[in-house]
Amino acid sequence: MGASATQLLNKKLKEEKVEKGKEINIESGIAQLIQKEAGKFQYAFRDFYVVAFLKSKGARIIKVIDTGSKPDRRGLKEKTFILETDYEVDSLLKDFVNRQATVIALNFVDDIKHMKKIIHGDSL
């Protein structure tokens, strides 16, 4: 029996020497606050569209970590995105999950395209 995605994420974060913080309990743990210091917040996300949404709200991707145990049918491993923001994202995530969030559509589409390039092997 293989390791869960959360176990693999925690292992990768430990290997990367990233300090783990509080969990954000929204819809099966889509986010994890991993560091908070000097007005900067770093979060780990596995949900592709949540990351695209937060990017369109000003978050920055600072690292992408392979957290999948084996590649999918396209040869890609599950990714975890480490984002940095100047604010806590709890209320944005609640709005996203409850379909109350708004974004500029073109920015959201551009962020999705950029992230697809990242997961298919292009650099940040």
PDB file of N, CA and C in Angstrom:
ATOM      1  N   MET A   1       0.841  -1.179   0.000  1.00  0.00           N
ATOM      2  CA  MET A   1       0.000   0.000   0.000  1.00  0.00           C
ATOM      3  C   MET A   1       0.882   1.237   0.000  1.00  0.00           C
ATOM      4  N   GLY A   2       0.650   2.179  -0.918  1.00  0.00           N
ATOM      5  CA  GLY A   2       1.483   3.358  -1.080  1.00  0.00           C
ATOM      6  C   GLY A   2       1.168   4.441  -0.069  1.00  0.00           C
ATOM      7  N   ALA A   3       2.055   5.410  -0.022  1.00  0.00           N
ATOM      8  CA  ALA A   3       1.884   6.544   0.875  1.00  0.00           C
ATOM      9  C   ALA A   3       0.817   7.483   0.322  1.00  0.00           C
ATOM     10  N   SER A   4       0.095   8.155   1.227  1.00  0.00           N
ATOM     11  CA  SER A   4      -0.915   9.112   0.783  1.00  0.00           C
ATOM     12  C   SER A   4      -0.233  10.378   0.261  1.00  0.00           C
ATOM     13  N   ALA A   5      -0.998  11.182  -0.455  1.00  0.00           N
ATOM     14  CA  ALA A   5      -0.457  12.433  -0.995  1.00  0.00           C
ATOM     15  C   ALA A   5       0.018  13.351   0.131  1.00  0.00           C
ATOM     16  N   THR A   6      -0.722  13.371   1.246  1.00  0.00           N
ATOM     17  CA  THR A   6      -0.326  14.221   2.381  1.00  0.00           C
ATOM     18  C   THR A   6       0.988  13.747   2.977  1.00  0.00           C
ATOM     19  N   GLN A   7       1.168  12.426   3.104  1.00  0.00           N
ATOM     20  CA  GLN A   7       2.426  11.894   3.626  1.00  0.00           C
ATOM     21  C   GLN A   7       3.582  12.235   2.697  1.00  0.00           C
ATOM     22  N   LEU A   8       3.359  12.112   1.386  1.00  0.00           N
ATOM     23  CA  LEU A   8       4.412  12.450   0.432  1.00  0.00           C
ATOM     24  C   LEU A   8       4.745  13.938   0.474  1.00  0.00           C
ATOM     25  N   LEU A   9       3.712  14.785   0.610  1.00  0.00           N
ATOM     26  CA  LEU A   9       3.953  16.222   0.715  1.00  0.00           C
ATOM     27  C   LEU A   9       4.782  16.534   1.953  1.00  0.00           C
ATOM     28  N   ASN A  10       4.397  15.968   3.086  1.00  0.00           N
ATOM     29  CA  ASN A  10       5.138  16.225   4.314  1.00  0.00           C
ATOM     30  C   ASN A  10       6.587  15.757   4.207  1.00  0.00           C
ATOM     31  N   LYS A  11       6.804  14.609   3.556  1.00  0.00           N
ATOM     32  CA  LYS A  11       8.162  14.108   3.348  1.00  0.00           C
ATOM     33  C   LYS A  11       8.954  15.074   2.466  1.00  0.00           C
ATOM     34  N   LYS A  12       8.354  15.523   1.368  1.00  0.00           N
ATOM     35  CA  LYS A  12       9.034  16.462   0.464  1.00  0.00           C
ATOM     36  C   LYS A  12       9.330  17.783   1.159  1.00  0.00           C
ATOM     37  N   LEU A  13       8.377  18.278   1.950  1.00  0.00           N
ATOM     38  CA  LEU A  13       8.600  19.537   2.668  1.00  0.00           C
ATOM     39  C   LEU A  13       9.743  19.389   3.661  1.00  0.00           C
ATOM     40  N   LYS A  14       9.816  18.227   4.303  1.00  0.00           N
ATOM     41  CA  LYS A  14      10.906  17.982   5.237  1.00  0.00           C
ATOM     42  C   LYS A  14      12.241  17.920   4.497  1.00  0.00           C
ATOM     43  N   GLU A  15      12.268  17.221   3.357  1.00  0.00           N
ATOM     44  CA  GLU A  15      13.487  17.140   2.547  1.00  0.00           C
ATOM     45  C   GLU A  15      13.924  18.524   2.072  1.00  0.00           C
ATOM     46  N   GLU A  16      12.946  19.371   1.746  1.00  0.00           N
ATOM     47  CA  GLU A  16      13.247  20.715   1.258  1.00  0.00           C
ATOM     48  C   GLU A  16      13.522  21.682   2.419  1.00  0.00           C
ATOM     49  N   LYS A  17      13.439  21.166   3.642  1.00  0.00           N
ATOM     50  CA  LYS A  17      13.642  21.963   4.846  1.00  0.00           C
ATOM     51  C   LYS A  17      12.682  23.154   4.913  1.00  0.00           C
ATOM     52  N   VAL A  18      11.414  22.899   4.599  1.00  0.00           N
ATOM     53  CA  VAL A  18      10.374  23.908   4.691  1.00  0.00           C
ATOM     54  C   VAL A  18       9.596  23.637   5.963  1.00  0.00           C
ATOM     55  N   GLU A  19       9.462  24.653   6.788  1.00  0.00           N
ATOM     56  CA  GLU A  19       8.775  24.488   8.064  1.00  0.00           C
ATOM     57  C   GLU A  19       7.273  24.350   7.842  1.00  0.00           C
ATOM     58  N   LYS A  20       6.674  23.375   8.488  1.00  0.00           N
ATOM     59  CA  LYS A  20       5.243  23.121   8.352  1.00  0.00           C
ATOM     60  C   LYS A  20       4.492  23.890   9.430  1.00  0.00           C
ATOM     61  N   GLY A  21       3.349  24.471   9.081  1.00  0.00           N
ATOM     62  CA  GLY A  21       2.547  25.222  10.033  1.00  0.00           C
ATOM     63  C   GLY A  21       1.158  24.655  10.148  1.00  0.00           C
ATOM     64  N   LYS A  22       0.200  25.548  10.425  1.00  0.00           N
ATOM     65  CA  LYS A  22      -1.172  25.100  10.661  1.00  0.00           C
ATOM     66  C   LYS A  22      -1.830  24.597   9.384  1.00  0.00           C
ATOM     67  N   GLU A  23      -2.802  23.718   9.560  1.00  0.00           N
ATOM     68  CA  GLU A  23      -3.599  23.233   8.437  1.00  0.00           C
ATOM     69  C   GLU A  23      -4.785  24.176   8.240  1.00  0.00           C
ATOM     70  N   ILE A  24      -5.179  24.379   7.007  1.00  0.00           N
ATOM     71  CA  ILE A  24      -6.406  25.107   6.719  1.00  0.00           C
ATOM     72  C   ILE A  24      -7.425  24.060   6.324  1.00  0.00           C
ATOM     73  N   ASN A  25      -8.467  23.900   7.125  1.00  0.00           N
ATOM     74  CA  ASN A  25      -9.428  22.830   6.896  1.00  0.00           C
ATOM     75  C   ASN A  25     -10.585  23.297   6.031  1.00  0.00           C
ATOM     76  N   ILE A  26     -10.349  23.331   4.729  1.00  0.00           N
ATOM     77  CA  ILE A  26     -11.395  23.698   3.783  1.00  0.00           C
ATOM     78  C   ILE A  26     -11.453  22.601   2.734  1.00  0.00           C
ATOM     79  N   GLU A  27     -12.629  21.963   2.605  1.00  0.00           N
ATOM     80  CA  GLU A  27     -12.827  20.959   1.558  1.00  0.00           C
ATOM     81  C   GLU A  27     -11.656  19.984   1.437  1.00  0.00           C
ATOM     82  N   SER A  28     -11.495  19.144   2.379  1.00  0.00           N
ATOM     83  CA  SER A  28     -10.502  18.066   2.387  1.00  0.00           C
ATOM     84  C   SER A  28      -9.054  18.550   2.363  1.00  0.00           C
ATOM     85  N   GLY A  29      -8.785  19.667   2.997  1.00  0.00           N
ATOM     86  CA  GLY A  29      -7.400  20.110   3.164  1.00  0.00           C
ATOM     87  C   GLY A  29      -6.714  20.488   1.875  1.00  0.00           C
ATOM     88  N   ILE A  30      -7.290  21.402   1.082  1.00  0.00           N
ATOM     89  CA  ILE A  30      -6.664  21.783  -0.173  1.00  0.00           C
ATOM     90  C   ILE A  30      -5.453  22.678   0.037  1.00  0.00           C
ATOM     91  N   ALA A  31      -5.294  23.200   1.249  1.00  0.00           N
ATOM     92  CA  ALA A  31      -4.186  24.122   1.491  1.00  0.00           C
ATOM     93  C   ALA A  31      -3.518  23.810   2.813  1.00  0.00           C
ATOM     94  N   GLN A  32      -2.262  24.174   2.889  1.00  0.00           N
ATOM     95  CA  GLN A  32      -1.524  24.018   4.125  1.00  0.00           C
ATOM     96  C   GLN A  32      -0.593  25.219   4.258  1.00  0.00           C
ATOM     97  N   LEU A  33      -0.776  25.987   5.351  1.00  0.00           N
ATOM     98  CA  LEU A  33       0.136  27.088   5.625  1.00  0.00           C
ATOM     99  C   LEU A  33       1.430  26.475   6.111  1.00  0.00           C
ATOM    100  N   ILE A  34       2.536  26.748   5.422  1.00  0.00           N
ATOM    101  CA  ILE A  34       3.786  26.115   5.805  1.00  0.00           C
ATOM    102  C   ILE A  34       4.783  27.082   6.418  1.00  0.00           C
ATOM    103  N   GLN A  35       4.573  28.378   6.220  1.00  0.00           N
ATOM    104  CA  GLN A  35       5.495  29.323   6.819  1.00  0.00           C
ATOM    105  C   GLN A  35       4.830  30.684   6.885  1.00  0.00           C
ATOM    106  N   LYS A  36       5.090  31.410   7.983  1.00  0.00           N
ATOM    107  CA  LYS A  36       4.542  32.749   8.153  1.00  0.00           C
ATOM    108  C   LYS A  36       5.606  33.577   8.850  1.00  0.00           C
ATOM    109  N   GLU A  37       6.106  34.581   8.156  1.00  0.00           N
ATOM    110  CA  GLU A  37       7.087  35.456   8.799  1.00  0.00           C
ATOM    111  C   GLU A  37       7.151  36.790   8.073  1.00  0.00           C
ATOM    112  N   ALA A  38       7.356  37.837   8.809  1.00  0.00           N
ATOM    113  CA  ALA A  38       7.561  39.189   8.282  1.00  0.00           C
ATOM    114  C   ALA A  38       6.525  39.586   7.234  1.00  0.00           C
ATOM    115  N   GLY A  39       5.254  39.311   7.511  1.00  0.00           N
ATOM    116  CA  GLY A  39       4.194  39.717   6.599  1.00  0.00           C
ATOM    117  C   GLY A  39       4.080  38.891   5.329  1.00  0.00           C
ATOM    118  N   LYS A  40       4.830  37.796   5.248  1.00  0.00           N
ATOM    119  CA  LYS A  40       4.760  36.904   4.084  1.00  0.00           C
ATOM    120  C   LYS A  40       4.212  35.560   4.538  1.00  0.00           C
ATOM    121  N   PHE A  41       3.365  34.995   3.710  1.00  0.00           N
ATOM    122  CA  PHE A  41       2.772  33.698   4.003  1.00  0.00           C
ATOM    123  C   PHE A  41       3.131  32.749   2.872  1.00  0.00           C
ATOM    124  N   GLN A  42       3.519  31.524   3.224  1.00  0.00           N
ATOM    125  CA  GLN A  42       3.792  30.506   2.217  1.00  0.00           C
ATOM    126  C   GLN A  42       2.834  29.341   2.432  1.00  0.00           C
ATOM    127  N   TYR A  43       2.215  28.922   1.336  1.00  0.00           N
ATOM    128  CA  TYR A  43       1.231  27.851   1.369  1.00  0.00           C
ATOM    129  C   TYR A  43       1.612  26.756   0.391  1.00  0.00           C
ATOM    130  N   ALA A  44       1.205  25.541   0.717  1.00  0.00           N
ATOM    131  CA  ALA A  44       1.373  24.401  -0.183  1.00  0.00           C
ATOM    132  C   ALA A  44      -0.013  23.991  -0.682  1.00  0.00           C
ATOM    133  N   PHE A  45      -0.146  23.864  -1.995  1.00  0.00           N
ATOM    134  CA  PHE A  45      -1.410  23.483  -2.619  1.00  0.00           C
ATOM    135  C   PHE A  45      -1.174  22.362  -3.615  1.00  0.00           C
ATOM    136  N   ARG A  46      -2.139  21.445  -3.697  1.00  0.00           N
ATOM    137  CA  ARG A  46      -2.103  20.411  -4.724  1.00  0.00           C
ATOM    138  C   ARG A  46      -3.178  20.637  -5.780  1.00  0.00           C
ATOM    139  N   ASP A  47      -4.130  21.506  -5.514  1.00  0.00           N
ATOM    140  CA  ASP A  47      -5.242  21.728  -6.433  1.00  0.00           C
ATOM    141  C   ASP A  47      -4.860  22.756  -7.499  1.00  0.00           C
ATOM    142  N   PHE A  48      -4.797  22.311  -8.739  1.00  0.00           N
ATOM    143  CA  PHE A  48      -4.370  23.116  -9.873  1.00  0.00           C
ATOM    144  C   PHE A  48      -5.187  24.404 -10.017  1.00  0.00           C
ATOM    145  N   TYR A  49      -6.519  24.288  -9.973  1.00  0.00           N
ATOM    146  CA  TYR A  49      -7.371  25.446 -10.212  1.00  0.00           C
ATOM    147  C   TYR A  49      -7.389  26.419  -9.036  1.00  0.00           C
ATOM    148  N   VAL A  50      -7.206  25.933  -7.828  1.00  0.00           N
ATOM    149  CA  VAL A  50      -7.070  26.838  -6.678  1.00  0.00           C
ATOM    150  C   VAL A  50      -5.804  27.671  -6.840  1.00  0.00           C
ATOM    151  N   VAL A  51      -4.720  27.037  -7.281  1.00  0.00           N
ATOM    152  CA  VAL A  51      -3.465  27.770  -7.484  1.00  0.00           C
ATOM    153  C   VAL A  51      -3.649  28.817  -8.581  1.00  0.00           C
ATOM    154  N   ALA A  52      -4.294  28.452  -9.683  1.00  0.00           N
ATOM    155  CA  ALA A  52      -4.544  29.423 -10.759  1.00  0.00           C
ATOM    156  C   ALA A  52      -5.392  30.583 -10.243  1.00  0.00           C
ATOM    157  N   PHE A  53      -6.396  30.278  -9.445  1.00  0.00           N
ATOM    158  CA  PHE A  53      -7.238  31.322  -8.861  1.00  0.00           C
ATOM    159  C   PHE A  53      -6.410  32.260  -7.983  1.00  0.00           C
ATOM    160  N   LEU A  54      -5.600  31.692  -7.096  1.00  0.00           N
ATOM    161  CA  LEU A  54      -4.792  32.533  -6.196  1.00  0.00           C
ATOM    162  C   LEU A  54      -3.745  33.337  -6.965  1.00  0.00           C
ATOM    163  N   LYS A  55      -3.179  32.748  -8.029  1.00  0.00           N
ATOM    164  CA  LYS A  55      -2.252  33.519  -8.870  1.00  0.00           C
ATOM    165  C   LYS A  55      -2.964  34.724  -9.470  1.00  0.00           C
ATOM    166  N   SER A  56      -4.204  34.533  -9.895  1.00  0.00           N
ATOM    167  CA  SER A  56      -4.935  35.650 -10.475  1.00  0.00           C
ATOM    168  C   SER A  56      -5.303  36.697  -9.423  1.00  0.00           C
ATOM    169  N   LYS A  57      -5.184  36.321  -8.145  1.00  0.00           N
ATOM    170  CA  LYS A  57      -5.424  37.257  -7.038  1.00  0.00           C
ATOM    171  C   LYS A  57      -4.114  37.827  -6.492  1.00  0.00           C
ATOM    172  N   GLY A  58      -2.977  37.517  -7.151  1.00  0.00           N
ATOM    173  CA  GLY A  58      -1.715  38.129  -6.765  1.00  0.00           C
ATOM    174  C   GLY A  58      -0.702  37.236  -6.078  1.00  0.00           C
ATOM    175  N   ALA A  59      -1.040  35.969  -5.819  1.00  0.00           N
ATOM    176  CA  ALA A  59      -0.076  35.052  -5.194  1.00  0.00           C
ATOM    177  C   ALA A  59       1.038  34.730  -6.189  1.00  0.00           C
ATOM    178  N   ARG A  60       2.213  34.384  -5.680  1.00  0.00           N
ATOM    179  CA  ARG A  60       3.367  34.047  -6.522  1.00  0.00           C
ATOM    180  C   ARG A  60       3.768  32.591  -6.281  1.00  0.00           C
ATOM    181  N   ILE A  61       3.981  31.846  -7.369  1.00  0.00           N
ATOM    182  CA  ILE A  61       4.506  30.483  -7.243  1.00  0.00           C
ATOM    183  C   ILE A  61       6.009  30.612  -7.015  1.00  0.00           C
ATOM    184  N   ILE A  62       6.497  30.041  -5.918  1.00  0.00           N
ATOM    185  CA  ILE A  62       7.936  30.116  -5.656  1.00  0.00           C
ATOM    186  C   ILE A  62       8.637  28.776  -5.829  1.00  0.00           C
ATOM    187  N   LYS A  63       7.856  27.690  -5.834  1.00  0.00           N
ATOM    188  CA  LYS A  63       8.458  26.366  -6.008  1.00  0.00           C
ATOM    189  C   LYS A  63       7.376  25.376  -6.413  1.00  0.00           C
ATOM    190  N   VAL A  64       7.768  24.401  -7.209  1.00  0.00           N
ATOM    191  CA  VAL A  64       6.874  23.303  -7.581  1.00  0.00           C
ATOM    192  C   VAL A  64       7.596  22.015  -7.215  1.00  0.00           C
ATOM    193  N   ILE A  65       6.916  21.152  -6.464  1.00  0.00           N
ATOM    194  CA  ILE A  65       7.529  19.918  -5.966  1.00  0.00           C
ATOM    195  C   ILE A  65       6.758  18.721  -6.519  1.00  0.00           C
ATOM    196  N   ASP A  66       7.474  17.722  -7.034  1.00  0.00           N
ATOM    197  CA  ASP A  66       6.845  16.457  -7.424  1.00  0.00           C
ATOM    198  C   ASP A  66       6.473  15.716  -6.155  1.00  0.00           C
ATOM    199  N   THR A  67       5.182  15.465  -5.940  1.00  0.00           N
ATOM    200  CA  THR A  67       4.768  14.741  -4.741  1.00  0.00           C
ATOM    201  C   THR A  67       4.055  13.435  -5.059  1.00  0.00           C
ATOM    202  N   GLY A  68       3.875  13.147  -6.320  1.00  0.00           N
ATOM    203  CA  GLY A  68       3.241  11.888  -6.702  1.00  0.00           C
ATOM    204  C   GLY A  68       4.200  10.730  -6.561  1.00  0.00           C
ATOM    205  N   SER A  69       3.670   9.586  -6.174  1.00  0.00           N
ATOM    206  CA  SER A  69       4.529   8.408  -6.009  1.00  0.00           C
ATOM    207  C   SER A  69       4.864   7.754  -7.351  1.00  0.00           C
ATOM    208  N   LYS A  70       3.948   7.880  -8.320  1.00  0.00           N
ATOM    209  CA  LYS A  70       4.232   7.326  -9.649  1.00  0.00           C
ATOM    210  C   LYS A  70       3.536   8.182 -10.702  1.00  0.00           C
ATOM    211  N   PRO A  71       4.076   8.200 -11.906  1.00  0.00           N
ATOM    212  CA  PRO A  71       3.487   9.012 -12.981  1.00  0.00           C
ATOM    213  C   PRO A  71       2.095   8.532 -13.384  1.00  0.00           C
ATOM    214  N   ASP A  72       1.265   9.470 -13.858  1.00  0.00           N
ATOM    215  CA  ASP A  72      -0.050   9.096 -14.376  1.00  0.00           C
ATOM    216  C   ASP A  72       0.088   8.591 -15.807  1.00  0.00           C
ATOM    217  N   ARG A  73      -1.022   8.385 -16.493  1.00  0.00           N
ATOM    218  CA  ARG A  73      -0.992   7.823 -17.854  1.00  0.00           C
ATOM    219  C   ARG A  73      -0.263   8.710 -18.849  1.00  0.00           C
ATOM    220  N   ARG A  74      -0.110  10.021 -18.532  1.00  0.00           N
ATOM    221  CA  ARG A  74       0.617  10.929 -19.421  1.00  0.00           C
ATOM    222  C   ARG A  74       2.088  11.053 -19.043  1.00  0.00           C
ATOM    223  N   GLY A  75       2.494  10.320 -17.991  1.00  0.00           N
ATOM    224  CA  GLY A  75       3.879  10.373 -17.560  1.00  0.00           C
ATOM    225  C   GLY A  75       4.183  11.503 -16.591  1.00  0.00           C
ATOM    226  N   LEU A  76       3.138  12.130 -16.032  1.00  0.00           N
ATOM    227  CA  LEU A  76       3.319  13.249 -15.105  1.00  0.00           C
ATOM    228  C   LEU A  76       3.054  12.814 -13.679  1.00  0.00           C
ATOM    229  N   LYS A  77       3.874  13.315 -12.759  1.00  0.00           N
ATOM    230  CA  LYS A  77       3.641  13.065 -11.341  1.00  0.00           C
ATOM    231  C   LYS A  77       2.808  14.199 -10.762  1.00  0.00           C
ATOM    232  N   GLU A  78       2.080  13.889  -9.679  1.00  0.00           N
ATOM    233  CA  GLU A  78       1.308  14.924  -9.001  1.00  0.00           C
ATOM    234  C   GLU A  78       2.255  16.011  -8.517  1.00  0.00           C
ATOM    235  N   LYS A  79       1.836  17.251  -8.635  1.00  0.00           N
ATOM    236  CA  LYS A  79       2.650  18.391  -8.225  1.00  0.00           C
ATOM    237  C   LYS A  79       2.041  19.058  -7.008  1.00  0.00           C
ATOM    238  N   THR A  80       2.889  19.631  -6.195  1.00  0.00           N
ATOM    239  CA  THR A  80       2.469  20.520  -5.118  1.00  0.00           C
ATOM    240  C   THR A  80       3.112  21.861  -5.393  1.00  0.00           C
ATOM    241  N   PHE A  81       2.285  22.899  -5.365  1.00  0.00           N
ATOM    242  CA  PHE A  81       2.746  24.251  -5.638  1.00  0.00           C
ATOM    243  C   PHE A  81       2.944  24.982  -4.317  1.00  0.00           C
ATOM    244  N   ILE A  82       4.104  25.601  -4.163  1.00  0.00           N
ATOM    245  CA  ILE A  82       4.368  26.434  -2.995  1.00  0.00           C
ATOM    246  C   ILE A  82       4.153  27.874  -3.446  1.00  0.00           C
ATOM    247  N   LEU A  83       3.198  28.536  -2.801  1.00  0.00           N
ATOM    248  CA  LEU A  83       2.859  29.915  -3.139  1.00  0.00           C
ATOM    249  C   LEU A  83       3.259  30.847  -2.015  1.00  0.00           C
ATOM    250  N   GLU A  84       3.564  32.083  -2.379  1.00  0.00           N
ATOM    251  CA  GLU A  84       3.841  33.111  -1.385  1.00  0.00           C
ATOM    252  C   GLU A  84       2.858  34.252  -1.604  1.00  0.00           C
ATOM    253  N   THR A  85       2.302  34.749  -0.508  1.00  0.00           N
ATOM    254  CA  THR A  85       1.380  35.874  -0.566  1.00  0.00           C
ATOM    255  C   THR A  85       1.745  36.875   0.518  1.00  0.00           C
ATOM    256  N   ASP A  86       1.159  38.055   0.404  1.00  0.00           N
ATOM    257  CA  ASP A  86       1.323  39.079   1.439  1.00  0.00           C
ATOM    258  C   ASP A  86       0.140  39.061   2.403  1.00  0.00           C
ATOM    259  N   TYR A  87      -0.723  38.067   2.281  1.00  0.00           N
ATOM    260  CA  TYR A  87      -1.960  38.015   3.060  1.00  0.00           C
ATOM    261  C   TYR A  87      -2.346  36.558   3.289  1.00  0.00           C
ATOM    262  N   GLU A  88      -3.195  36.343   4.300  1.00  0.00           N
ATOM    263  CA  GLU A  88      -3.721  34.999   4.523  1.00  0.00           C
ATOM    264  C   GLU A  88      -4.810  34.734   3.494  1.00  0.00           C
ATOM    265  N   VAL A  89      -4.921  33.508   3.046  1.00  0.00           N
ATOM    266  CA  VAL A  89      -5.832  33.178   1.945  1.00  0.00           C
ATOM    267  C   VAL A  89      -7.127  32.502   2.397  1.00  0.00           C
ATOM    268  N   ASP A  90      -7.339  32.372   3.683  1.00  0.00           N
ATOM    269  CA  ASP A  90      -8.506  31.654   4.197  1.00  0.00           C
ATOM    270  C   ASP A  90      -9.817  32.150   3.579  1.00  0.00           C
ATOM    271  N   SER A  91     -10.049  33.462   3.598  1.00  0.00           N
ATOM    272  CA  SER A  91     -11.324  33.981   3.090  1.00  0.00           C
ATOM    273  C   SER A  91     -11.430  33.814   1.574  1.00  0.00           C
ATOM    274  N   LEU A  92     -10.314  33.958   0.860  1.00  0.00           N
ATOM    275  CA  LEU A  92     -10.337  33.733  -0.592  1.00  0.00           C
ATOM    276  C   LEU A  92     -10.697  32.288  -0.915  1.00  0.00           C
ATOM    277  N   LEU A  93     -10.137  31.343  -0.151  1.00  0.00           N
ATOM    278  CA  LEU A  93     -10.435  29.930  -0.389  1.00  0.00           C
ATOM    279  C   LEU A  93     -11.895  29.616  -0.092  1.00  0.00           C
ATOM    280  N   LYS A  94     -12.434  30.203   0.960  1.00  0.00           N
ATOM    281  CA  LYS A  94     -13.853  29.985   1.268  1.00  0.00           C
ATOM    282  C   LYS A  94     -14.726  30.519   0.134  1.00  0.00           C
ATOM    283  N   ASP A  95     -14.389  31.709  -0.372  1.00  0.00           N
ATOM    284  CA  ASP A  95     -15.145  32.267  -1.495  1.00  0.00           C
ATOM    285  C   ASP A  95     -15.030  31.378  -2.730  1.00  0.00           C
ATOM    286  N   PHE A  96     -13.838  30.844  -2.989  1.00  0.00           N
ATOM    287  CA  PHE A  96     -13.621  29.962  -4.140  1.00  0.00           C
ATOM    288  C   PHE A  96     -14.473  28.698  -4.015  1.00  0.00           C
ATOM    289  N   VAL A  97     -14.415  28.057  -2.860  1.00  0.00           N
ATOM    290  CA  VAL A  97     -15.144  26.810  -2.641  1.00  0.00           C
ATOM    291  C   VAL A  97     -16.653  27.044  -2.715  1.00  0.00           C
ATOM    292  N   ASN A  98     -17.115  28.199  -2.235  1.00  0.00           N
ATOM    293  CA  ASN A  98     -18.549  28.507  -2.238  1.00  0.00           C
ATOM    294  C   ASN A  98     -19.015  29.214  -3.519  1.00  0.00           C
ATOM    295  N   ARG A  99     -18.128  29.297  -4.499  1.00  0.00           N
ATOM    296  CA  ARG A  99     -18.440  29.916  -5.786  1.00  0.00           C
ATOM    297  C   ARG A  99     -18.882  31.361  -5.666  1.00  0.00           C
ATOM    298  N   GLN A 100     -18.252  32.091  -4.731  1.00  0.00           N
ATOM    299  CA  GLN A 100     -18.550  33.503  -4.553  1.00  0.00           C
ATOM    300  C   GLN A 100     -17.382  34.375  -4.976  1.00  0.00           C
ATOM    301  N   ALA A 101     -16.282  33.772  -5.383  1.00  0.00           N
ATOM    302  CA  ALA A 101     -15.079  34.510  -5.773  1.00  0.00           C
ATOM    303  C   ALA A 101     -15.212  35.032  -7.192  1.00  0.00           C
ATOM    304  N   THR A 102     -14.577  36.165  -7.433  1.00  0.00           N
ATOM    305  CA  THR A 102     -14.531  36.705  -8.788  1.00  0.00           C
ATOM    306  C   THR A 102     -13.082  36.997  -9.158  1.00  0.00           C
ATOM    307  N   VAL A 103     -12.778  36.815 -10.433  1.00  0.00           N
ATOM    308  CA  VAL A 103     -11.450  37.128 -10.963  1.00  0.00           C
ATOM    309  C   VAL A 103     -11.626  37.714 -12.357  1.00  0.00           C
ATOM    310  N   ILE A 104     -10.587  38.340 -12.854  1.00  0.00           N
ATOM    311  CA  ILE A 104     -10.588  38.795 -14.237  1.00  0.00           C
ATOM    312  C   ILE A 104     -10.336  37.562 -15.098  1.00  0.00           C
ATOM    313  N   ALA A 105     -11.275  37.249 -15.967  1.00  0.00           N
ATOM    314  CA  ALA A 105     -11.243  35.993 -16.724  1.00  0.00           C
ATOM    315  C   ALA A 105      -9.956  35.816 -17.519  1.00  0.00           C
ATOM    316  N   LEU A 106      -9.488  36.838 -18.198  1.00  0.00           N
ATOM    317  CA  LEU A 106      -8.275  36.704 -19.007  1.00  0.00           C
ATOM    318  C   LEU A 106      -7.052  36.397 -18.137  1.00  0.00           C
ATOM    319  N   ASN A 107      -6.976  36.999 -16.962  1.00  0.00           N
ATOM    320  CA  ASN A 107      -5.870  36.692 -16.046  1.00  0.00           C
ATOM    321  C   ASN A 107      -5.915  35.236 -15.601  1.00  0.00           C
ATOM    322  N   PHE A 108      -7.121  34.750 -15.290  1.00  0.00           N
ATOM    323  CA  PHE A 108      -7.288  33.372 -14.845  1.00  0.00           C
ATOM    324  C   PHE A 108      -6.871  32.402 -15.950  1.00  0.00           C
ATOM    325  N   VAL A 109      -7.297  32.653 -17.176  1.00  0.00           N
ATOM    326  CA  VAL A 109      -6.933  31.796 -18.314  1.00  0.00           C
ATOM    327  C   VAL A 109      -5.421  31.829 -18.535  1.00  0.00           C
ATOM    328  N   ASP A 110      -4.817  33.014 -18.482  1.00  0.00           N
ATOM    329  CA  ASP A 110      -3.361  33.125 -18.645  1.00  0.00           C
ATOM    330  C   ASP A 110      -2.623  32.357 -17.554  1.00  0.00           C
ATOM    331  N   ASP A 111      -3.123  32.426 -16.314  1.00  0.00           N
ATOM    332  CA  ASP A 111      -2.479  31.700 -15.217  1.00  0.00           C
ATOM    333  C   ASP A 111      -2.602  30.192 -15.404  1.00  0.00           C
ATOM    334  N   ILE A 112      -3.730  29.724 -15.903  1.00  0.00           N
ATOM    335  CA  ILE A 112      -3.897  28.295 -16.185  1.00  0.00           C
ATOM    336  C   ILE A 112      -2.897  27.856 -17.258  1.00  0.00           C
ATOM    337  N   LYS A 113      -2.765  28.633 -18.329  1.00  0.00           N
ATOM    338  CA  LYS A 113      -1.808  28.299 -19.388  1.00  0.00           C
ATOM    339  C   LYS A 113      -0.379  28.269 -18.859  1.00  0.00           C
ATOM    340  N   HIS A 114      -0.012  29.247 -18.039  1.00  0.00           N
ATOM    341  CA  HIS A 114       1.340  29.298 -17.461  1.00  0.00           C
ATOM    342  C   HIS A 114       1.595  28.073 -16.588  1.00  0.00           C
ATOM    343  N   MET A 115       0.609  27.694 -15.784  1.00  0.00           N
ATOM    344  CA  MET A 115       0.782  26.535 -14.906  1.00  0.00           C
ATOM    345  C   MET A 115       0.882  25.235 -15.695  1.00  0.00           C
ATOM    346  N   LYS A 116       0.164  25.131 -16.790  1.00  0.00           N
ATOM    347  CA  LYS A 116       0.278  23.930 -17.630  1.00  0.00           C
ATOM    348  C   LYS A 116       1.691  23.803 -18.182  1.00  0.00           C
ATOM    349  N   LYS A 117       2.284  24.924 -18.543  1.00  0.00           N
ATOM    350  CA  LYS A 117       3.679  24.902 -19.010  1.00  0.00           C
ATOM    351  C   LYS A 117       4.600  24.414 -17.896  1.00  0.00           C
ATOM    352  N   ILE A 118       4.334  24.857 -16.668  1.00  0.00           N
ATOM    353  CA  ILE A 118       5.156  24.449 -15.527  1.00  0.00           C
ATOM    354  C   ILE A 118       5.061  22.937 -15.306  1.00  0.00           C
ATOM    355  N   ILE A 119       3.856  22.396 -15.293  1.00  0.00           N
ATOM    356  CA  ILE A 119       3.710  20.970 -14.970  1.00  0.00           C
ATOM    357  C   ILE A 119       4.182  20.077 -16.110  1.00  0.00           C
ATOM    358  N   HIS A 120       4.276  20.619 -17.309  1.00  0.00           N
ATOM    359  CA  HIS A 120       4.770  19.823 -18.432  1.00  0.00           C
ATOM    360  C   HIS A 120       6.257  19.991 -18.646  1.00  0.00           C
ATOM    361  N   GLY A 121       6.936  20.564 -17.650  1.00  0.00           N
ATOM    362  CA  GLY A 121       8.387  20.570 -17.685  1.00  0.00           C
ATOM    363  C   GLY A 121       9.068  21.887 -17.949  1.00  0.00           C
ATOM    364  N   ASP A 122       8.324  22.919 -18.317  1.00  0.00           N
ATOM    365  CA  ASP A 122       8.956  24.216 -18.501  1.00  0.00           C
ATOM    366  C   ASP A 122       9.238  24.825 -17.132  1.00  0.00           C
ATOM    367  N   SER A 123      10.132  25.775 -17.087  1.00  0.00           N
ATOM    368  CA  SER A 123      10.507  26.373 -15.814  1.00  0.00           C
ATOM    369  C   SER A 123       9.523  27.437 -15.389  1.00  0.00           C
ATOM    370  N   LEU A 124       9.685  27.895 -14.134  1.00  0.00           N
ATOM    371  CA  LEU A 124       8.858  28.973 -13.619  1.00  0.00           C
ATOM    372  C   LEU A 124       9.161  30.219 -14.416  1.00  0.00           C
TER     373      LEU A 124
END
